[in-house]
N, C-alpha and C. Protein backbone atom coordinates (compact mmCIF):
# COMPACT_ATOMS: atom_id res chain seq x y z
N UNK A 1 32.66 17.19 4.72
CA UNK A 1 32.38 16.83 3.35
C UNK A 1 30.87 16.69 3.16
N UNK A 2 30.35 17.37 2.16
CA UNK A 2 28.92 17.33 1.89
C UNK A 2 28.59 16.13 1.01
N UNK A 3 27.45 15.52 1.29
CA UNK A 3 26.99 14.39 0.50
C UNK A 3 26.05 14.92 -0.58
N UNK A 4 26.27 14.53 -1.80
CA UNK A 4 25.41 14.99 -2.89
C UNK A 4 24.04 14.32 -2.79
N UNK A 5 23.07 14.92 -3.43
CA UNK A 5 21.72 14.35 -3.45
C UNK A 5 21.74 12.97 -4.10
N UNK A 6 22.57 12.80 -5.12
CA UNK A 6 22.66 11.50 -5.80
C UNK A 6 23.23 10.44 -4.88
N UNK A 7 24.28 10.81 -4.12
CA UNK A 7 24.90 9.86 -3.19
C UNK A 7 23.93 9.49 -2.07
N UNK A 8 23.19 10.47 -1.60
CA UNK A 8 22.21 10.20 -0.55
C UNK A 8 21.11 9.27 -1.06
N UNK A 9 20.65 9.50 -2.28
CA UNK A 9 19.63 8.64 -2.87
C UNK A 9 20.16 7.23 -3.08
N UNK A 10 21.41 7.10 -3.52
CA UNK A 10 22.02 5.78 -3.71
C UNK A 10 22.12 5.03 -2.38
N UNK A 11 22.48 5.73 -1.32
CA UNK A 11 22.56 5.10 0.01
C UNK A 11 21.18 4.68 0.47
N UNK A 12 20.21 5.52 0.24
CA UNK A 12 18.82 5.19 0.62
C UNK A 12 18.37 3.92 -0.11
N UNK A 13 18.66 3.83 -1.40
CA UNK A 13 18.29 2.63 -2.17
C UNK A 13 19.03 1.40 -1.65
N UNK A 14 20.29 1.57 -1.27
CA UNK A 14 21.05 0.45 -0.72
C UNK A 14 20.43 -0.03 0.58
N UNK A 15 20.02 0.89 1.44
CA UNK A 15 19.35 0.53 2.70
C UNK A 15 18.09 -0.26 2.40
N UNK A 16 17.30 0.20 1.44
CA UNK A 16 16.05 -0.49 1.10
C UNK A 16 16.32 -1.89 0.54
N UNK A 17 17.33 -2.03 -0.31
CA UNK A 17 17.67 -3.34 -0.87
C UNK A 17 18.10 -4.31 0.22
N UNK A 18 18.96 -3.84 1.13
CA UNK A 18 19.43 -4.70 2.23
C UNK A 18 18.26 -5.06 3.14
N UNK A 19 17.45 -4.09 3.47
CA UNK A 19 16.30 -4.34 4.36
C UNK A 19 15.34 -5.35 3.74
N UNK A 20 15.05 -5.20 2.45
CA UNK A 20 14.16 -6.14 1.75
C UNK A 20 14.69 -7.56 1.88
N UNK A 21 15.98 -7.72 1.63
CA UNK A 21 16.60 -9.05 1.71
C UNK A 21 16.56 -9.60 3.14
N UNK A 22 16.92 -8.78 4.12
CA UNK A 22 16.91 -9.25 5.50
C UNK A 22 15.50 -9.56 6.00
N UNK A 23 14.54 -8.72 5.63
CA UNK A 23 13.15 -8.98 6.04
C UNK A 23 12.68 -10.31 5.46
N UNK A 24 13.06 -10.60 4.22
CA UNK A 24 12.65 -11.86 3.60
C UNK A 24 13.37 -13.06 4.22
N UNK A 25 14.63 -12.89 4.54
CA UNK A 25 15.42 -14.00 5.10
C UNK A 25 15.10 -14.26 6.57
N UNK A 26 15.03 -13.19 7.35
CA UNK A 26 14.93 -13.33 8.81
C UNK A 26 13.54 -13.03 9.35
N UNK A 27 12.73 -12.32 8.59
CA UNK A 27 11.44 -11.86 9.08
C UNK A 27 11.57 -10.45 9.63
N UNK A 28 10.45 -9.76 9.69
CA UNK A 28 10.46 -8.36 10.14
C UNK A 28 10.86 -8.24 11.59
N UNK A 29 10.24 -9.02 12.47
CA UNK A 29 10.50 -8.90 13.90
C UNK A 29 11.94 -9.25 14.26
N UNK A 30 12.49 -10.23 13.57
CA UNK A 30 13.84 -10.68 13.89
C UNK A 30 14.92 -9.76 13.34
N UNK A 31 14.59 -8.99 12.34
CA UNK A 31 15.56 -8.05 11.75
C UNK A 31 15.59 -6.79 12.60
N UNK A 32 16.75 -6.43 13.04
CA UNK A 32 16.94 -5.21 13.84
C UNK A 32 17.51 -4.11 12.94
N UNK A 33 17.26 -2.89 13.32
CA UNK A 33 17.77 -1.77 12.54
C UNK A 33 19.30 -1.80 12.49
N UNK A 34 19.93 -2.28 13.56
CA UNK A 34 21.40 -2.38 13.57
C UNK A 34 21.89 -3.43 12.57
N UNK A 35 21.05 -4.49 12.32
CA UNK A 35 21.41 -5.49 11.31
C UNK A 35 21.46 -4.86 9.93
N UNK A 36 20.47 -4.03 9.65
CA UNK A 36 20.41 -3.36 8.34
C UNK A 36 21.61 -2.43 8.19
N UNK A 37 21.86 -1.62 9.22
CA UNK A 37 22.98 -0.68 9.18
C UNK A 37 24.30 -1.42 8.98
N UNK A 38 24.49 -2.50 9.71
CA UNK A 38 25.74 -3.27 9.61
C UNK A 38 25.95 -3.81 8.20
N UNK A 39 24.88 -4.36 7.61
CA UNK A 39 24.97 -4.90 6.24
C UNK A 39 25.28 -3.81 5.22
N UNK A 40 24.78 -2.60 5.46
CA UNK A 40 25.03 -1.49 4.55
C UNK A 40 26.45 -0.95 4.76
N UNK A 41 26.97 -1.15 5.98
CA UNK A 41 28.30 -0.65 6.29
C UNK A 41 28.29 0.74 6.88
N UNK A 42 27.28 1.01 7.69
CA UNK A 42 27.18 2.32 8.34
C UNK A 42 26.80 2.13 9.81
N UNK A 43 27.01 3.17 10.57
CA UNK A 43 26.60 3.14 11.98
C UNK A 43 25.07 3.21 12.06
N UNK A 44 24.53 2.59 13.10
CA UNK A 44 23.08 2.59 13.29
C UNK A 44 22.54 4.02 13.32
N UNK A 45 23.24 4.90 14.02
CA UNK A 45 22.80 6.30 14.10
C UNK A 45 22.75 6.98 12.75
N UNK A 46 23.65 6.61 11.86
CA UNK A 46 23.66 7.20 10.52
C UNK A 46 22.44 6.75 9.73
N UNK A 47 22.03 5.50 9.92
CA UNK A 47 20.85 5.00 9.21
C UNK A 47 19.61 5.84 9.57
N UNK A 48 19.57 6.31 10.82
CA UNK A 48 18.42 7.12 11.24
C UNK A 48 18.36 8.47 10.52
N UNK A 49 19.44 8.86 9.84
CA UNK A 49 19.38 10.06 9.00
C UNK A 49 18.54 9.81 7.75
N UNK A 50 18.31 8.54 7.43
CA UNK A 50 17.57 8.16 6.22
C UNK A 50 16.16 7.68 6.55
N UNK A 51 16.02 6.91 7.62
CA UNK A 51 14.73 6.36 8.03
C UNK A 51 14.62 6.43 9.55
N UNK A 52 13.46 6.84 10.03
CA UNK A 52 13.26 7.00 11.46
C UNK A 52 13.13 5.67 12.20
N UNK A 53 12.73 4.61 11.49
CA UNK A 53 12.50 3.32 12.12
C UNK A 53 12.48 2.23 11.06
N UNK A 54 12.53 0.98 11.49
CA UNK A 54 12.42 -0.10 10.51
C UNK A 54 11.00 -0.18 9.97
N UNK A 55 10.01 0.28 10.73
CA UNK A 55 8.64 0.36 10.21
C UNK A 55 8.57 1.31 9.03
N UNK A 56 9.29 2.43 9.12
CA UNK A 56 9.32 3.37 8.01
C UNK A 56 9.98 2.74 6.78
N UNK A 57 11.00 1.93 7.01
CA UNK A 57 11.65 1.22 5.91
C UNK A 57 10.63 0.29 5.25
N UNK A 58 9.87 -0.46 6.05
CA UNK A 58 8.86 -1.38 5.52
C UNK A 58 7.79 -0.63 4.74
N UNK A 59 7.33 0.49 5.26
CA UNK A 59 6.32 1.29 4.57
C UNK A 59 6.87 1.82 3.25
N UNK A 60 8.12 2.23 3.23
CA UNK A 60 8.74 2.73 2.00
C UNK A 60 8.82 1.62 0.96
N UNK A 61 9.18 0.42 1.38
CA UNK A 61 9.22 -0.72 0.46
C UNK A 61 7.83 -1.00 -0.11
N UNK A 62 6.82 -0.98 0.76
CA UNK A 62 5.44 -1.23 0.31
C UNK A 62 4.97 -0.12 -0.62
N UNK A 63 5.29 1.13 -0.30
CA UNK A 63 4.87 2.25 -1.14
C UNK A 63 5.48 2.14 -2.53
N UNK A 64 6.72 1.70 -2.61
CA UNK A 64 7.38 1.52 -3.90
C UNK A 64 6.68 0.44 -4.72
N UNK A 65 6.34 -0.68 -4.06
CA UNK A 65 5.63 -1.77 -4.75
C UNK A 65 4.25 -1.30 -5.22
N UNK A 66 3.58 -0.52 -4.40
CA UNK A 66 2.25 -0.02 -4.75
C UNK A 66 2.34 0.97 -5.91
N UNK A 67 3.40 1.79 -5.95
CA UNK A 67 3.60 2.70 -7.09
C UNK A 67 3.77 1.91 -8.38
N UNK A 68 4.54 0.82 -8.32
CA UNK A 68 4.70 -0.04 -9.50
C UNK A 68 3.36 -0.64 -9.91
N UNK A 69 2.55 -1.01 -8.92
CA UNK A 69 1.23 -1.59 -9.20
C UNK A 69 0.33 -0.58 -9.90
N UNK A 70 0.43 0.69 -9.53
CA UNK A 70 -0.39 1.72 -10.17
C UNK A 70 -0.13 1.77 -11.66
N UNK A 71 1.13 1.70 -12.03
CA UNK A 71 1.48 1.71 -13.46
C UNK A 71 0.92 0.48 -14.16
N UNK A 72 1.00 -0.67 -13.51
CA UNK A 72 0.45 -1.91 -14.07
C UNK A 72 -1.06 -1.82 -14.20
N UNK A 73 -1.70 -1.24 -13.20
CA UNK A 73 -3.16 -1.08 -13.23
C UNK A 73 -3.57 -0.26 -14.46
N UNK A 74 -2.87 0.85 -14.70
CA UNK A 74 -3.22 1.70 -15.84
C UNK A 74 -3.03 0.96 -17.16
N UNK A 75 -2.02 0.10 -17.26
CA UNK A 75 -1.79 -0.68 -18.48
C UNK A 75 -2.87 -1.73 -18.68
N UNK A 76 -3.33 -2.35 -17.59
CA UNK A 76 -4.29 -3.46 -17.68
C UNK A 76 -5.74 -3.00 -17.69
N UNK A 77 -5.98 -1.78 -17.33
CA UNK A 77 -7.35 -1.27 -17.24
C UNK A 77 -8.01 -1.30 -18.60
N UNK A 78 -9.25 -1.79 -18.64
CA UNK A 78 -9.99 -1.92 -19.90
C UNK A 78 -11.06 -0.84 -20.01
N UNK A 79 -11.17 -0.27 -21.18
CA UNK A 79 -12.25 0.68 -21.43
C UNK A 79 -13.58 -0.04 -21.28
N UNK A 80 -14.52 0.62 -20.67
CA UNK A 80 -15.84 0.03 -20.50
C UNK A 80 -15.97 -0.87 -19.28
N UNK A 81 -14.89 -1.03 -18.49
CA UNK A 81 -14.99 -1.85 -17.28
C UNK A 81 -15.91 -1.18 -16.27
N UNK A 82 -16.56 -1.97 -15.48
CA UNK A 82 -17.44 -1.43 -14.44
C UNK A 82 -16.60 -0.89 -13.28
N UNK A 83 -17.24 -0.14 -12.40
CA UNK A 83 -16.56 0.37 -11.22
C UNK A 83 -16.01 -0.77 -10.37
N UNK A 84 -16.80 -1.81 -10.15
CA UNK A 84 -16.32 -2.93 -9.33
C UNK A 84 -15.13 -3.63 -10.00
N UNK A 85 -15.16 -3.75 -11.32
CA UNK A 85 -14.04 -4.38 -12.03
C UNK A 85 -12.76 -3.53 -11.90
N UNK A 86 -12.91 -2.22 -12.04
CA UNK A 86 -11.74 -1.35 -11.89
C UNK A 86 -11.18 -1.39 -10.47
N UNK A 87 -12.06 -1.34 -9.48
CA UNK A 87 -11.60 -1.38 -8.09
C UNK A 87 -10.94 -2.73 -7.77
N UNK A 88 -11.53 -3.82 -8.27
CA UNK A 88 -10.93 -5.14 -8.08
C UNK A 88 -9.54 -5.18 -8.69
N UNK A 89 -9.42 -4.74 -9.94
CA UNK A 89 -8.12 -4.76 -10.63
C UNK A 89 -7.11 -3.88 -9.89
N UNK A 90 -7.55 -2.73 -9.42
CA UNK A 90 -6.68 -1.80 -8.69
C UNK A 90 -6.05 -2.49 -7.47
N UNK A 91 -6.86 -3.15 -6.67
CA UNK A 91 -6.35 -3.79 -5.45
C UNK A 91 -5.61 -5.08 -5.78
N UNK A 92 -6.15 -5.89 -6.69
CA UNK A 92 -5.50 -7.15 -7.05
C UNK A 92 -4.11 -6.92 -7.62
N UNK A 93 -3.94 -5.85 -8.40
CA UNK A 93 -2.63 -5.52 -8.95
C UNK A 93 -1.65 -5.17 -7.82
N UNK A 94 -2.15 -4.49 -6.81
CA UNK A 94 -1.30 -4.18 -5.65
C UNK A 94 -0.89 -5.46 -4.92
N UNK A 95 -1.83 -6.38 -4.75
CA UNK A 95 -1.51 -7.63 -4.05
C UNK A 95 -0.41 -8.39 -4.78
N UNK A 96 -0.50 -8.42 -6.10
CA UNK A 96 0.56 -9.10 -6.87
C UNK A 96 1.91 -8.41 -6.69
N UNK A 97 1.91 -7.10 -6.71
CA UNK A 97 3.14 -6.34 -6.56
C UNK A 97 3.73 -6.47 -5.15
N UNK A 98 2.86 -6.62 -4.16
CA UNK A 98 3.29 -6.73 -2.77
C UNK A 98 3.62 -8.16 -2.34
N UNK A 99 3.46 -9.11 -3.24
CA UNK A 99 3.61 -10.53 -2.88
C UNK A 99 4.89 -10.83 -2.10
N UNK A 100 6.02 -10.33 -2.55
CA UNK A 100 7.30 -10.62 -1.87
C UNK A 100 7.40 -9.91 -0.52
N UNK A 101 6.54 -8.95 -0.28
CA UNK A 101 6.56 -8.19 0.98
C UNK A 101 5.40 -8.58 1.89
N UNK A 102 4.74 -9.66 1.56
CA UNK A 102 3.51 -10.04 2.27
C UNK A 102 3.69 -10.13 3.78
N UNK A 103 4.82 -10.65 4.22
CA UNK A 103 5.06 -10.79 5.66
C UNK A 103 5.28 -9.45 6.35
N UNK A 104 5.50 -8.40 5.56
CA UNK A 104 5.69 -7.06 6.14
C UNK A 104 4.37 -6.32 6.33
N UNK A 105 3.28 -6.89 5.85
CA UNK A 105 2.03 -6.14 5.85
C UNK A 105 1.53 -5.74 7.24
N UNK A 106 1.65 -6.58 8.27
CA UNK A 106 1.17 -6.10 9.58
C UNK A 106 1.79 -4.77 10.02
N UNK A 107 3.13 -4.60 9.99
CA UNK A 107 3.65 -3.28 10.38
C UNK A 107 3.32 -2.19 9.37
N UNK A 108 3.21 -2.53 8.10
CA UNK A 108 2.84 -1.53 7.09
C UNK A 108 1.42 -1.05 7.34
N UNK A 109 0.51 -1.97 7.61
CA UNK A 109 -0.88 -1.59 7.88
C UNK A 109 -0.95 -0.76 9.16
N UNK A 110 -0.22 -1.18 10.16
CA UNK A 110 -0.26 -0.48 11.45
C UNK A 110 0.30 0.93 11.37
N UNK A 111 1.38 1.12 10.61
CA UNK A 111 2.02 2.43 10.59
C UNK A 111 1.71 3.24 9.33
N UNK A 112 1.77 2.63 8.16
CA UNK A 112 1.60 3.37 6.91
C UNK A 112 0.19 3.45 6.42
N UNK A 113 -0.64 2.53 6.87
CA UNK A 113 -2.04 2.52 6.43
C UNK A 113 -2.98 2.67 7.61
N UNK A 114 -2.47 3.27 8.68
CA UNK A 114 -3.32 3.47 9.84
C UNK A 114 -4.53 4.31 9.43
N UNK A 115 -5.60 4.14 10.14
CA UNK A 115 -6.86 4.75 9.75
C UNK A 115 -6.74 6.26 9.56
N UNK A 116 -7.03 6.72 8.37
CA UNK A 116 -7.01 8.17 8.15
C UNK A 116 -8.16 8.83 8.89
N UNK A 117 -8.00 10.10 9.18
CA UNK A 117 -9.06 10.87 9.81
C UNK A 117 -9.79 11.60 8.69
N UNK A 118 -11.07 11.28 8.53
CA UNK A 118 -11.85 11.87 7.44
C UNK A 118 -12.57 13.11 7.93
N UNK A 119 -12.62 14.10 7.07
CA UNK A 119 -13.33 15.33 7.37
C UNK A 119 -13.85 15.88 6.05
N UNK A 120 -15.09 15.60 5.76
CA UNK A 120 -15.65 16.03 4.47
C UNK A 120 -14.92 15.33 3.34
N UNK A 121 -14.43 16.11 2.39
CA UNK A 121 -13.72 15.55 1.25
C UNK A 121 -12.24 15.35 1.53
N UNK A 122 -11.78 15.77 2.69
CA UNK A 122 -10.36 15.70 2.98
C UNK A 122 -10.10 14.65 4.05
N UNK A 123 -8.89 14.16 4.06
CA UNK A 123 -8.48 13.20 5.07
C UNK A 123 -7.05 13.51 5.46
N UNK A 124 -6.70 13.11 6.66
CA UNK A 124 -5.32 13.26 7.09
C UNK A 124 -4.83 11.90 7.56
N UNK A 125 -3.56 11.72 7.58
CA UNK A 125 -2.95 10.46 7.96
C UNK A 125 -1.64 10.33 7.22
N UNK A 126 -1.18 9.12 7.03
CA UNK A 126 0.11 8.92 6.36
C UNK A 126 0.01 9.23 4.87
N UNK A 127 1.15 9.47 4.27
CA UNK A 127 1.21 9.73 2.83
C UNK A 127 0.69 8.54 2.04
N UNK A 128 1.07 7.33 2.47
CA UNK A 128 0.64 6.12 1.78
C UNK A 128 -0.88 5.99 1.83
N UNK A 129 -1.46 6.23 2.99
CA UNK A 129 -2.92 6.16 3.11
C UNK A 129 -3.58 7.21 2.22
N UNK A 130 -3.04 8.42 2.23
CA UNK A 130 -3.60 9.48 1.40
C UNK A 130 -3.52 9.15 -0.08
N UNK A 131 -2.38 8.59 -0.50
CA UNK A 131 -2.22 8.20 -1.90
C UNK A 131 -3.23 7.13 -2.31
N UNK A 132 -3.45 6.18 -1.41
CA UNK A 132 -4.40 5.10 -1.71
C UNK A 132 -5.82 5.63 -1.85
N UNK A 133 -6.21 6.51 -0.96
CA UNK A 133 -7.56 7.07 -1.04
C UNK A 133 -7.72 7.93 -2.29
N UNK A 134 -6.70 8.68 -2.64
CA UNK A 134 -6.78 9.51 -3.84
C UNK A 134 -6.89 8.65 -5.10
N UNK A 135 -6.15 7.54 -5.14
CA UNK A 135 -6.22 6.64 -6.31
C UNK A 135 -7.63 6.05 -6.44
N UNK A 136 -8.22 5.65 -5.32
CA UNK A 136 -9.59 5.11 -5.34
C UNK A 136 -10.58 6.20 -5.73
N UNK A 137 -10.39 7.40 -5.21
CA UNK A 137 -11.28 8.51 -5.54
C UNK A 137 -11.23 8.82 -7.04
N UNK A 138 -10.04 8.72 -7.63
CA UNK A 138 -9.90 8.98 -9.06
C UNK A 138 -10.67 7.93 -9.88
N UNK A 139 -10.60 6.68 -9.45
CA UNK A 139 -11.35 5.62 -10.13
C UNK A 139 -12.85 5.89 -10.03
N UNK A 140 -13.29 6.27 -8.84
CA UNK A 140 -14.71 6.57 -8.63
C UNK A 140 -15.13 7.75 -9.50
N UNK A 141 -14.30 8.79 -9.56
CA UNK A 141 -14.62 9.95 -10.41
C UNK A 141 -14.70 9.55 -11.88
N UNK A 142 -13.80 8.65 -12.31
CA UNK A 142 -13.82 8.19 -13.70
C UNK A 142 -15.15 7.53 -14.05
N UNK A 143 -15.82 6.99 -13.04
CA UNK A 143 -17.12 6.33 -13.25
C UNK A 143 -18.28 7.28 -12.97
N UNK A 144 -17.96 8.56 -12.91
CA UNK A 144 -18.97 9.62 -12.78
C UNK A 144 -19.85 9.49 -11.54
N UNK A 145 -19.22 9.07 -10.46
CA UNK A 145 -19.92 9.05 -9.17
C UNK A 145 -19.82 10.46 -8.59
N UNK A 146 -20.90 10.98 -8.08
CA UNK A 146 -20.93 12.34 -7.55
C UNK A 146 -19.90 12.49 -6.43
N UNK A 147 -19.15 13.59 -6.41
CA UNK A 147 -18.12 13.81 -5.39
C UNK A 147 -18.66 13.73 -3.96
N UNK A 148 -19.88 14.22 -3.74
CA UNK A 148 -20.43 14.15 -2.38
C UNK A 148 -20.70 12.70 -1.97
N UNK A 149 -20.95 11.85 -2.93
CA UNK A 149 -21.15 10.42 -2.65
C UNK A 149 -19.82 9.81 -2.18
N UNK A 150 -18.71 10.20 -2.84
CA UNK A 150 -17.41 9.67 -2.44
C UNK A 150 -17.04 10.11 -1.02
N UNK A 151 -17.36 11.35 -0.66
CA UNK A 151 -17.00 11.81 0.68
C UNK A 151 -17.66 10.96 1.76
N UNK A 152 -18.85 10.44 1.47
CA UNK A 152 -19.52 9.53 2.40
C UNK A 152 -18.96 8.12 2.29
N UNK A 153 -18.58 7.73 1.09
CA UNK A 153 -18.14 6.36 0.82
C UNK A 153 -16.68 6.09 1.17
N UNK A 154 -15.84 7.13 1.22
CA UNK A 154 -14.40 6.94 1.44
C UNK A 154 -14.09 6.11 2.69
N UNK A 155 -14.70 6.39 3.84
CA UNK A 155 -14.39 5.56 5.02
C UNK A 155 -14.80 4.09 4.85
N UNK A 156 -15.87 3.86 4.11
CA UNK A 156 -16.31 2.48 3.87
C UNK A 156 -15.31 1.78 2.97
N UNK A 157 -14.91 2.46 1.88
CA UNK A 157 -13.90 1.88 1.00
C UNK A 157 -12.63 1.58 1.79
N UNK A 158 -12.21 2.53 2.62
CA UNK A 158 -10.97 2.36 3.37
C UNK A 158 -11.03 1.13 4.27
N UNK A 159 -12.14 0.92 4.93
CA UNK A 159 -12.29 -0.26 5.79
C UNK A 159 -12.19 -1.54 4.99
N UNK A 160 -12.81 -1.56 3.82
CA UNK A 160 -12.75 -2.74 2.95
C UNK A 160 -11.32 -2.97 2.46
N UNK A 161 -10.66 -1.92 2.02
CA UNK A 161 -9.30 -2.02 1.49
C UNK A 161 -8.34 -2.58 2.54
N UNK A 162 -8.34 -1.97 3.71
CA UNK A 162 -7.43 -2.43 4.77
C UNK A 162 -7.82 -3.83 5.24
N UNK A 163 -9.11 -4.11 5.28
CA UNK A 163 -9.56 -5.45 5.65
C UNK A 163 -9.05 -6.51 4.69
N UNK A 164 -9.12 -6.23 3.40
CA UNK A 164 -8.62 -7.18 2.39
C UNK A 164 -7.12 -7.38 2.57
N UNK A 165 -6.36 -6.29 2.73
CA UNK A 165 -4.90 -6.42 2.91
C UNK A 165 -4.56 -7.21 4.17
N UNK A 166 -5.28 -6.97 5.23
CA UNK A 166 -5.04 -7.68 6.49
C UNK A 166 -5.34 -9.17 6.32
N UNK A 167 -6.46 -9.49 5.71
CA UNK A 167 -6.82 -10.89 5.47
C UNK A 167 -5.77 -11.55 4.59
N UNK A 168 -5.38 -10.86 3.51
CA UNK A 168 -4.41 -11.39 2.56
C UNK A 168 -3.07 -11.71 3.21
N UNK A 169 -2.65 -10.88 4.14
CA UNK A 169 -1.33 -11.08 4.76
C UNK A 169 -1.25 -12.40 5.51
N UNK A 170 -2.40 -12.99 5.85
CA UNK A 170 -2.42 -14.28 6.56
C UNK A 170 -3.17 -15.37 5.81
N UNK A 171 -3.55 -15.11 4.56
CA UNK A 171 -4.33 -16.08 3.79
C UNK A 171 -3.45 -17.27 3.39
N UNK A 172 -3.86 -18.45 3.79
CA UNK A 172 -3.11 -19.66 3.49
C UNK A 172 -3.75 -20.48 2.38
N UNK A 173 -4.81 -19.97 1.76
CA UNK A 173 -5.46 -20.70 0.67
C UNK A 173 -4.53 -20.74 -0.54
N UNK A 174 -4.69 -21.76 -1.40
CA UNK A 174 -3.83 -21.83 -2.59
C UNK A 174 -3.97 -20.55 -3.43
N UNK A 175 -2.83 -19.95 -3.73
CA UNK A 175 -2.78 -18.72 -4.54
C UNK A 175 -3.64 -17.60 -3.96
N UNK A 176 -3.88 -17.65 -2.66
CA UNK A 176 -4.68 -16.66 -1.94
C UNK A 176 -6.06 -16.46 -2.57
N UNK A 177 -6.65 -17.58 -2.98
CA UNK A 177 -7.97 -17.55 -3.61
C UNK A 177 -9.04 -16.99 -2.68
N UNK A 178 -8.92 -17.26 -1.38
CA UNK A 178 -9.91 -16.73 -0.44
C UNK A 178 -9.87 -15.20 -0.43
N UNK A 179 -8.68 -14.63 -0.51
CA UNK A 179 -8.57 -13.17 -0.55
C UNK A 179 -9.21 -12.62 -1.81
N UNK A 180 -8.96 -13.25 -2.94
CA UNK A 180 -9.54 -12.76 -4.19
C UNK A 180 -11.06 -12.84 -4.17
N UNK A 181 -11.60 -13.89 -3.56
CA UNK A 181 -13.06 -14.00 -3.43
C UNK A 181 -13.59 -12.89 -2.52
N UNK A 182 -12.88 -12.65 -1.43
CA UNK A 182 -13.28 -11.58 -0.51
C UNK A 182 -13.20 -10.22 -1.20
N UNK A 183 -12.14 -9.99 -1.95
CA UNK A 183 -11.97 -8.74 -2.68
C UNK A 183 -13.09 -8.55 -3.70
N UNK A 184 -13.40 -9.60 -4.44
CA UNK A 184 -14.46 -9.53 -5.44
C UNK A 184 -15.80 -9.16 -4.81
N UNK A 185 -16.15 -9.87 -3.73
CA UNK A 185 -17.42 -9.58 -3.04
C UNK A 185 -17.44 -8.16 -2.48
N UNK A 186 -16.33 -7.77 -1.86
CA UNK A 186 -16.27 -6.44 -1.24
C UNK A 186 -16.43 -5.33 -2.27
N UNK A 187 -15.71 -5.44 -3.39
CA UNK A 187 -15.78 -4.38 -4.40
C UNK A 187 -17.13 -4.37 -5.11
N UNK A 188 -17.74 -5.55 -5.31
CA UNK A 188 -19.08 -5.60 -5.89
C UNK A 188 -20.09 -4.91 -4.98
N UNK A 189 -20.04 -5.22 -3.69
CA UNK A 189 -20.98 -4.59 -2.76
C UNK A 189 -20.74 -3.09 -2.66
N UNK A 190 -19.47 -2.71 -2.58
CA UNK A 190 -19.15 -1.29 -2.47
C UNK A 190 -19.60 -0.53 -3.72
N UNK A 191 -19.28 -1.06 -4.89
CA UNK A 191 -19.66 -0.38 -6.14
C UNK A 191 -21.17 -0.30 -6.28
N UNK A 192 -21.87 -1.36 -5.88
CA UNK A 192 -23.34 -1.33 -5.94
C UNK A 192 -23.91 -0.25 -5.04
N UNK A 193 -23.33 -0.13 -3.85
CA UNK A 193 -23.82 0.85 -2.91
C UNK A 193 -23.46 2.27 -3.35
N UNK A 194 -22.20 2.52 -3.70
CA UNK A 194 -21.78 3.88 -4.02
C UNK A 194 -22.42 4.35 -5.33
N UNK A 195 -22.73 3.42 -6.23
CA UNK A 195 -23.35 3.78 -7.49
C UNK A 195 -24.85 3.95 -7.43
N UNK A 196 -25.47 3.49 -6.34
CA UNK A 196 -26.94 3.60 -6.24
C UNK A 196 -27.32 5.06 -5.99
N UNK A 197 -28.44 5.46 -6.56
CA UNK A 197 -28.95 6.83 -6.42
C UNK A 197 -27.93 7.88 -6.85
N UNK A 198 -27.09 7.54 -7.80
CA UNK A 198 -26.09 8.52 -8.24
C UNK A 198 -26.66 9.36 -9.38
């Protein structure tokens, strides 16, 4: 019996919903792939037809939250905002969207946001990393920064972005105020540098 594309997508969504709940209840390390499969009502081997690992499940959950954040960013973006303001809003919107997945960030950073390999204007790495760099590049282009400047700046931006996410995943300050201060300083410095001599 063949499974329709709709049925496969529905099963995939069910796996993600169950995984999200188990990760929140038990934690990432304590949740096993067999726990997710059992809750969904399938054999562990069958789950691997949908996701190669629980890390991939976590990355998929984060990617979905980040996609939602992109839409929110576009709605909240103000005409006339500076580059640093746009970059701050871009990342801060993601942090808000990722809030319920905060404890998943270490495996997401390790697998889905692992350091891309830069080569001129192009980079290779995970899809999530590529999407993030392209979104930042689009913001930079909107502010009329020369493309050759971005090719030099992309690795610096990437280090700041992943650094902020890593810090945020363990930030115990009220409402993660320390992360927001770090993000503000980082984006101000980055925008000042990338915009100089443009």
